[in-house]
Amino acid sequence: MTTKNEQNDLTKENNSSNQAPSPSHTVQKINKEKHAAHKKVKFSSKTVGVGVLVVALSITGVFFFKNRNKQSTYAQGIAYLEELQNRDEAAISAKISERDRQERLQEIAEGIGSDDSRLWALFRDSVILGDSRAVGFKEYGYLPENVCLARIGDSILALPQVTQAAAASKPEVIYLSYGANDLVMDIGADRGEDGYGLVYEEYIKQILALTPNSKIVVNGIIAPRAGTMTNYTENGRLEAINAQIQRMCERNNWIYVDNTVLDDNGNAPIYEPDGLHFPASFYPQWGRHMITAYYNAINTVPTP
């Protein structure tokens, strides 16, 4: 048997279990569920964002490397085309140079074998430097003064005085003829066996520094008439100086003109009464001999 108090407690408990949840409790529960759902959405957004970023970076990287490779290939292509162009230009230039050389050879060959008027035209792109002997080329009217720059009384020591004038026109050929005055001097004697040739060489190179494409043609000294200037021609002095000039030309790939075939050791009929200078009639022979030496040299060794 239950007491009255116990009955009351049972009644309260039954009422409490059958009662609906309170509004505040329901709100709290909904908020918790919302919060959990929001966290899920936030996490999902982060996941999607990271995924998109990874994909974007991947696409960018592929594009970057593809673009870089494309640029590299493009640069290589341009370099190759430029190489081909340079190669073609060099080949064309070589063909033009060879064609010009052949045309020049033909012109010289025809000029050498023709009358004097055509002979002198072969010197139009040249200059002649030298002493009073070479002065005869312009003194007798064969060559103009802008071609023949020779001066009376000069030796090789005067070359620095005509360097600028010799190089001004960038001549095809520079002919040199010194020695008549040099025989009475001891030029380069303090520089050993090749002293004269060494001094001569240094002065010629000063000219070439201003006109490097000019060809150099150096005359050997024409002997004076036999019995003239014996103090300077005896004991092989003349031959020794000519040998130095020839060696100078050989070591520099210059053209040496051997004039012994013209002077016959001083016995040829080519001299004025003084035994040193030459009459007008000798200059065509000498000019033809010089241009022939040049012709033989460029005909033997083709232009690179």
Protein backbone atom coordinates (compact mmCIF):
# COMPACT_ATOMS: atom_id res chain seq x y z
CA MET A 1 0.00 0.00 0.00
CA THR A 2 1.33 3.36 -1.02
CA THR A 3 1.22 6.45 0.95
CA LYS A 4 -0.25 9.69 -0.23
CA ASN A 5 3.14 11.26 -0.69
CA GLU A 6 4.40 8.43 -2.88
CA GLN A 7 1.36 8.74 -5.07
CA ASN A 8 2.04 12.39 -5.57
CA ASP A 9 5.64 11.71 -6.66
CA LEU A 10 4.53 9.10 -9.17
CA THR A 11 1.99 11.48 -10.60
CA LYS A 12 4.77 14.18 -11.09
CA GLU A 13 7.09 11.73 -12.79
CA ASN A 14 4.43 10.55 -15.23
CA ASN A 15 3.55 14.10 -16.07
CA SER A 16 7.18 14.98 -16.69
CA SER A 17 7.77 12.06 -19.08
CA ASN A 18 4.67 12.84 -21.08
CA GLN A 19 5.44 16.57 -21.35
CA ALA A 20 6.68 18.07 -24.78
CA PRO A 21 10.17 19.62 -24.87
CA SER A 22 10.39 23.28 -23.98
CA PRO A 23 10.83 25.90 -26.76
CA SER A 24 14.24 27.01 -25.49
CA HIS A 25 15.50 23.48 -25.57
CA THR A 26 14.33 23.07 -29.16
CA VAL A 27 16.07 26.30 -30.28
CA GLN A 28 19.34 25.23 -28.74
CA LYS A 29 19.15 21.90 -30.53
CA ILE A 30 18.47 23.57 -33.89
CA ASN A 31 21.39 25.99 -33.41
CA LYS A 32 23.72 23.09 -32.66
CA GLU A 33 22.63 21.32 -35.82
CA LYS A 34 23.08 24.51 -37.87
CA HIS A 35 26.55 25.05 -36.48
CA ALA A 36 27.55 21.52 -37.38
CA ALA A 37 26.13 21.90 -40.86
CA HIS A 38 27.97 25.26 -41.29
CA LYS A 39 31.26 23.64 -40.30
CA LYS A 40 30.67 20.92 -42.86
CA VAL A 41 29.92 23.49 -45.54
CA LYS A 42 32.98 25.55 -44.57
CA PHE A 43 35.22 22.53 -44.71
CA SER A 44 33.75 21.54 -48.06
CA SER A 45 34.34 25.06 -49.39
CA LYS A 46 37.95 24.93 -48.27
CA THR A 47 38.38 21.57 -49.89
CA VAL A 48 36.86 22.80 -53.14
CA GLY A 49 38.97 25.99 -53.01
CA VAL A 50 42.19 24.08 -52.52
CA GLY A 51 41.23 21.75 -55.34
CA VAL A 52 40.52 24.63 -57.68
CA LEU A 53 43.81 26.28 -56.73
CA VAL A 54 45.72 23.07 -57.38
CA VAL A 55 44.06 22.65 -60.76
CA ALA A 56 44.71 26.32 -61.63
CA LEU A 57 48.35 26.05 -60.66
CA SER A 58 48.68 22.87 -62.65
CA ILE A 59 47.18 24.52 -65.73
CA THR A 60 49.37 27.61 -65.23
CA GLY A 61 52.45 25.46 -64.83
CA VAL A 62 51.70 23.50 -67.96
CA PHE A 63 51.06 26.73 -69.86
CA PHE A 64 54.23 28.31 -68.46
CA PHE A 65 56.46 25.40 -69.39
CA LYS A 66 54.79 25.02 -72.75
CA ASN A 67 55.19 28.75 -73.38
CA ARG A 68 58.80 28.69 -72.24
CA ASN A 69 59.53 25.74 -74.49
CA LYS A 70 57.74 27.53 -77.31
CA GLN A 71 59.84 30.67 -76.76
CA SER A 72 63.03 28.59 -76.59
CA THR A 73 62.14 26.83 -79.83
CA TYR A 74 61.33 30.17 -81.44
CA ALA A 75 64.69 31.64 -80.34
CA GLN A 76 66.51 28.59 -81.68
CA GLY A 77 64.69 28.95 -84.97
CA ILE A 78 65.64 32.61 -85.27
CA ALA A 79 69.27 31.80 -84.43
CA TYR A 80 69.32 29.10 -87.08
CA LEU A 81 67.86 31.41 -89.71
CA GLU A 82 70.42 34.09 -88.84
CA GLU A 83 73.20 31.50 -89.13
CA LEU A 84 71.92 30.50 -92.56
CA GLN A 85 71.72 34.15 -93.60
CA ASN A 86 75.28 34.84 -92.43
CA ARG A 87 76.47 31.70 -94.18
CA ASP A 88 74.72 32.74 -97.37
CA GLU A 89 76.12 36.26 -97.15
CA ALA A 90 79.64 34.90 -96.66
CA ALA A 91 79.21 32.57 -99.62
CA ILE A 92 77.84 35.38 -101.78
CA SER A 93 80.65 37.69 -100.68
CA ALA A 94 83.23 35.03 -101.53
CA LYS A 95 81.66 34.52 -104.96
CA ILE A 96 81.66 38.27 -105.62
CA SER A 97 85.30 38.58 -104.48
CA GLU A 98 86.33 35.72 -106.73
CA ARG A 99 84.37 37.14 -109.65
CA ASP A 100 85.98 40.56 -109.12
CA ARG A 101 89.41 38.93 -108.91
CA GLN A 102 88.86 37.10 -112.19
CA GLU A 103 87.65 40.27 -113.90
CA ARG A 104 90.67 42.17 -112.55
CA LEU A 105 93.04 39.44 -113.74
CA GLN A 106 91.54 39.59 -117.20
CA GLU A 107 91.83 43.38 -117.27
CA ILE A 108 95.49 43.28 -116.18
CA ALA A 109 96.35 40.55 -118.66
CA GLU A 110 94.83 42.56 -121.50
CA GLY A 111 96.48 45.77 -120.30
CA ILE A 112 99.93 44.23 -120.03
CA GLY A 113 99.75 42.94 -123.57
CA SER A 114 98.36 46.15 -125.06
CA ASP A 115 99.62 49.64 -125.76
CA ASP A 116 100.84 51.99 -123.05
CA SER A 117 97.54 53.86 -122.68
CA ARG A 118 95.80 50.75 -121.39
CA LEU A 119 98.81 49.90 -119.26
CA TRP A 120 98.60 53.09 -117.21
CA ALA A 121 94.88 52.64 -116.64
CA LEU A 122 95.78 49.58 -114.56
CA PHE A 123 97.29 51.88 -111.92
CA ARG A 124 94.10 53.91 -111.41
CA ASP A 125 93.36 52.35 -108.00
CA SER A 126 96.98 52.35 -106.86
CA VAL A 127 99.59 54.68 -105.41
CA ILE A 128 103.34 54.70 -106.00
CA LEU A 129 105.69 55.82 -103.24
CA GLY A 130 109.37 56.31 -103.76
CA ASP A 131 112.33 58.56 -104.51
CA SER A 132 113.41 60.61 -107.54
CA ARG A 133 113.55 57.54 -109.75
CA ALA A 134 109.83 56.87 -109.15
CA VAL A 135 109.06 60.56 -109.63
CA GLY A 136 109.59 59.94 -113.38
CA PHE A 137 106.18 58.21 -113.58
CA LYS A 138 104.45 61.56 -113.09
CA GLU A 139 107.24 63.80 -114.37
CA TYR A 140 106.95 62.25 -117.82
CA GLY A 141 103.16 62.34 -117.72
CA TYR A 142 102.43 58.63 -117.38
CA LEU A 143 100.58 58.82 -114.06
CA PRO A 144 98.76 61.65 -112.25
CA GLU A 145 100.07 63.15 -109.06
CA ASN A 146 97.35 61.59 -106.94
CA VAL A 147 98.68 58.15 -108.00
CA CYS A 148 102.40 58.86 -107.98
CA LEU A 149 103.26 60.31 -104.56
CA ALA A 150 107.03 59.83 -104.95
CA ARG A 151 109.29 62.71 -103.92
CA ILE A 152 112.80 63.73 -104.92
CA GLY A 153 115.42 62.96 -102.28
CA ASP A 154 113.28 60.58 -100.20
CA SER A 155 114.49 57.42 -98.49
CA ILE A 156 112.40 54.98 -96.52
CA LEU A 157 112.87 57.28 -93.52
CA ALA A 158 110.47 59.73 -95.21
CA LEU A 159 107.62 57.21 -95.35
CA PRO A 160 105.89 58.60 -92.22
CA GLN A 161 105.53 61.91 -94.07
CA VAL A 162 103.42 60.32 -96.83
CA THR A 163 101.55 57.74 -94.75
CA GLN A 164 98.28 59.70 -94.57
CA ALA A 165 98.32 60.59 -98.26
CA ALA A 166 99.10 57.01 -99.27
CA ALA A 167 96.20 55.59 -97.25
CA ALA A 168 93.66 58.32 -98.01
CA SER A 169 92.18 56.69 -101.11
CA LYS A 170 92.30 53.14 -99.65
CA PRO A 171 94.19 51.98 -102.77
CA GLU A 172 93.99 48.49 -104.17
CA VAL A 173 97.79 48.36 -104.42
CA ILE A 174 100.63 50.37 -102.88
CA TYR A 175 103.84 50.19 -104.90
CA LEU A 176 107.07 51.21 -103.18
CA SER A 177 110.40 52.01 -104.81
CA TYR A 178 113.16 53.34 -102.57
CA GLY A 179 116.87 52.74 -102.43
CA ALA A 180 118.83 55.21 -104.56
CA ASN A 181 119.31 57.44 -101.53
CA ASP A 182 119.26 54.61 -99.02
CA LEU A 183 122.46 53.16 -100.49
CA VAL A 184 124.43 56.12 -99.18
CA MET A 185 122.95 55.77 -95.68
CA ASP A 186 123.28 53.18 -92.96
CA ILE A 187 119.59 52.76 -92.20
CA GLY A 188 119.00 50.03 -89.63
CA ALA A 189 122.69 49.21 -89.31
CA ASP A 190 122.32 49.13 -85.52
CA ARG A 191 119.55 46.50 -85.72
CA GLY A 192 121.49 43.56 -87.04
CA GLU A 193 121.67 41.73 -90.34
CA ASP A 194 118.06 42.53 -91.30
CA GLY A 195 118.09 46.06 -89.89
CA TYR A 196 117.18 47.85 -93.12
CA GLY A 197 114.32 45.46 -93.81
CA LEU A 198 113.00 45.79 -90.26
CA VAL A 199 112.86 49.60 -90.48
CA TYR A 200 111.21 49.42 -93.91
CA GLU A 201 108.67 46.90 -92.59
CA GLU A 202 107.67 49.06 -89.63
CA TYR A 203 106.94 52.05 -91.86
CA ILE A 204 104.89 49.98 -94.31
CA LYS A 205 102.82 48.57 -91.44
CA GLN A 206 102.03 52.10 -90.31
CA ILE A 207 100.41 52.66 -93.71
CA LEU A 208 98.58 49.34 -93.58
CA ALA A 209 97.15 50.26 -90.18
CA LEU A 210 95.16 52.92 -92.06
CA THR A 211 94.33 50.87 -95.16
CA PRO A 212 94.58 47.17 -94.18
CA ASN A 213 93.10 45.79 -97.40
CA SER A 214 95.69 47.35 -99.67
CA LYS A 215 98.17 44.99 -101.34
CA ILE A 216 101.87 45.82 -100.91
CA VAL A 217 104.28 45.56 -103.84
CA VAL A 218 107.91 46.44 -103.09
CA ASN A 219 110.53 47.03 -105.75
CA GLY A 220 114.02 45.73 -105.33
CA ILE A 221 116.57 48.50 -105.83
CA ILE A 222 117.53 48.88 -109.48
CA ALA A 223 121.30 48.87 -109.74
CA PRO A 224 122.95 52.06 -110.97
CA ARG A 225 124.96 51.87 -114.17
CA ALA A 226 128.07 49.78 -113.79
CA GLY A 227 130.94 51.91 -112.53
CA THR A 228 128.57 54.43 -110.85
CA MET A 229 128.25 54.80 -107.07
CA THR A 230 130.87 52.08 -106.66
CA ASN A 231 131.41 52.95 -103.00
CA TYR A 232 127.85 51.84 -102.26
CA THR A 233 127.41 48.95 -104.65
CA GLU A 234 130.69 47.09 -104.28
CA ASN A 235 131.21 44.24 -101.84
CA GLY A 236 127.67 43.03 -102.41
CA ARG A 237 126.03 45.90 -100.50
CA LEU A 238 123.25 46.37 -103.06
CA GLU A 239 122.53 42.65 -103.22
CA ALA A 240 122.46 42.44 -99.42
CA ILE A 241 119.86 45.21 -99.12
CA ASN A 242 117.73 43.69 -101.85
CA ALA A 243 117.91 40.36 -100.02
CA GLN A 244 116.60 42.08 -96.88
CA ILE A 245 113.73 43.60 -98.86
CA GLN A 246 112.87 40.21 -100.30
CA ARG A 247 112.89 38.54 -96.88
CA MET A 248 110.72 41.33 -95.53
CA CYS A 249 108.17 40.64 -98.26
CA GLU A 250 108.26 36.89 -97.68
CA ARG A 251 107.58 37.13 -93.95
CA ASN A 252 104.69 39.52 -94.48
CA ASN A 253 103.21 37.91 -97.58
CA TRP A 254 103.93 41.04 -99.62
CA ILE A 255 104.93 41.02 -103.28
CA TYR A 256 108.59 41.50 -104.15
CA VAL A 257 109.55 42.86 -107.57
CA ASP A 258 112.89 41.47 -108.71
CA ASN A 259 114.29 44.16 -111.00
CA THR A 260 117.57 42.47 -111.85
CA VAL A 261 116.05 41.45 -115.20
CA LEU A 262 115.75 45.16 -116.02
CA ASP A 263 119.17 46.45 -115.00
CA ASP A 264 121.38 43.53 -116.08
CA ASN A 265 123.71 44.37 -113.19
CA GLY A 266 123.99 47.94 -114.38
CA ASN A 267 124.73 47.05 -117.99
CA ALA A 268 121.26 47.56 -119.51
CA PRO A 269 120.69 50.63 -121.75
CA ILE A 270 118.21 52.18 -119.35
CA TYR A 271 120.13 55.06 -117.76
CA GLU A 272 120.39 58.80 -118.03
CA PRO A 273 123.94 60.20 -118.34
CA ASP A 274 124.22 60.36 -114.54
CA GLY A 275 124.00 56.55 -114.44
CA LEU A 276 121.34 56.69 -111.72
CA HIS A 277 118.10 57.99 -113.21
CA PHE A 278 116.10 56.79 -116.21
CA PRO A 279 114.82 58.32 -119.46
CA ALA A 280 111.10 58.55 -120.26
CA SER A 281 111.30 55.50 -122.52
CA PHE A 282 112.15 53.23 -119.57
CA TYR A 283 108.98 53.86 -117.54
CA PRO A 284 106.52 51.83 -119.61
CA GLN A 285 108.90 48.88 -119.32
CA TRP A 286 109.22 49.35 -115.56
CA GLY A 287 105.50 49.93 -115.05
CA ARG A 288 104.64 46.79 -117.02
CA HIS A 289 107.16 44.82 -114.97
CA MET A 290 105.59 45.98 -111.69
CA ILE A 291 102.01 45.28 -112.70
CA THR A 292 103.08 41.87 -114.03
CA ALA A 293 104.57 40.99 -110.64
CA TYR A 294 101.28 41.92 -109.02
CA TYR A 295 99.30 39.95 -111.60
CA ASN A 296 101.40 36.83 -111.09
CA ALA A 297 100.96 37.03 -107.33
CA ILE A 298 97.18 37.39 -107.27
CA ASN A 299 96.79 34.86 -110.07
CA THR A 300 98.79 32.27 -108.16
CA VAL A 301 97.06 32.74 -104.80
CA PRO A 302 93.26 33.00 -105.10
CA THR A 303 91.48 35.51 -102.90
CA PRO A 304 90.02 33.69 -99.83
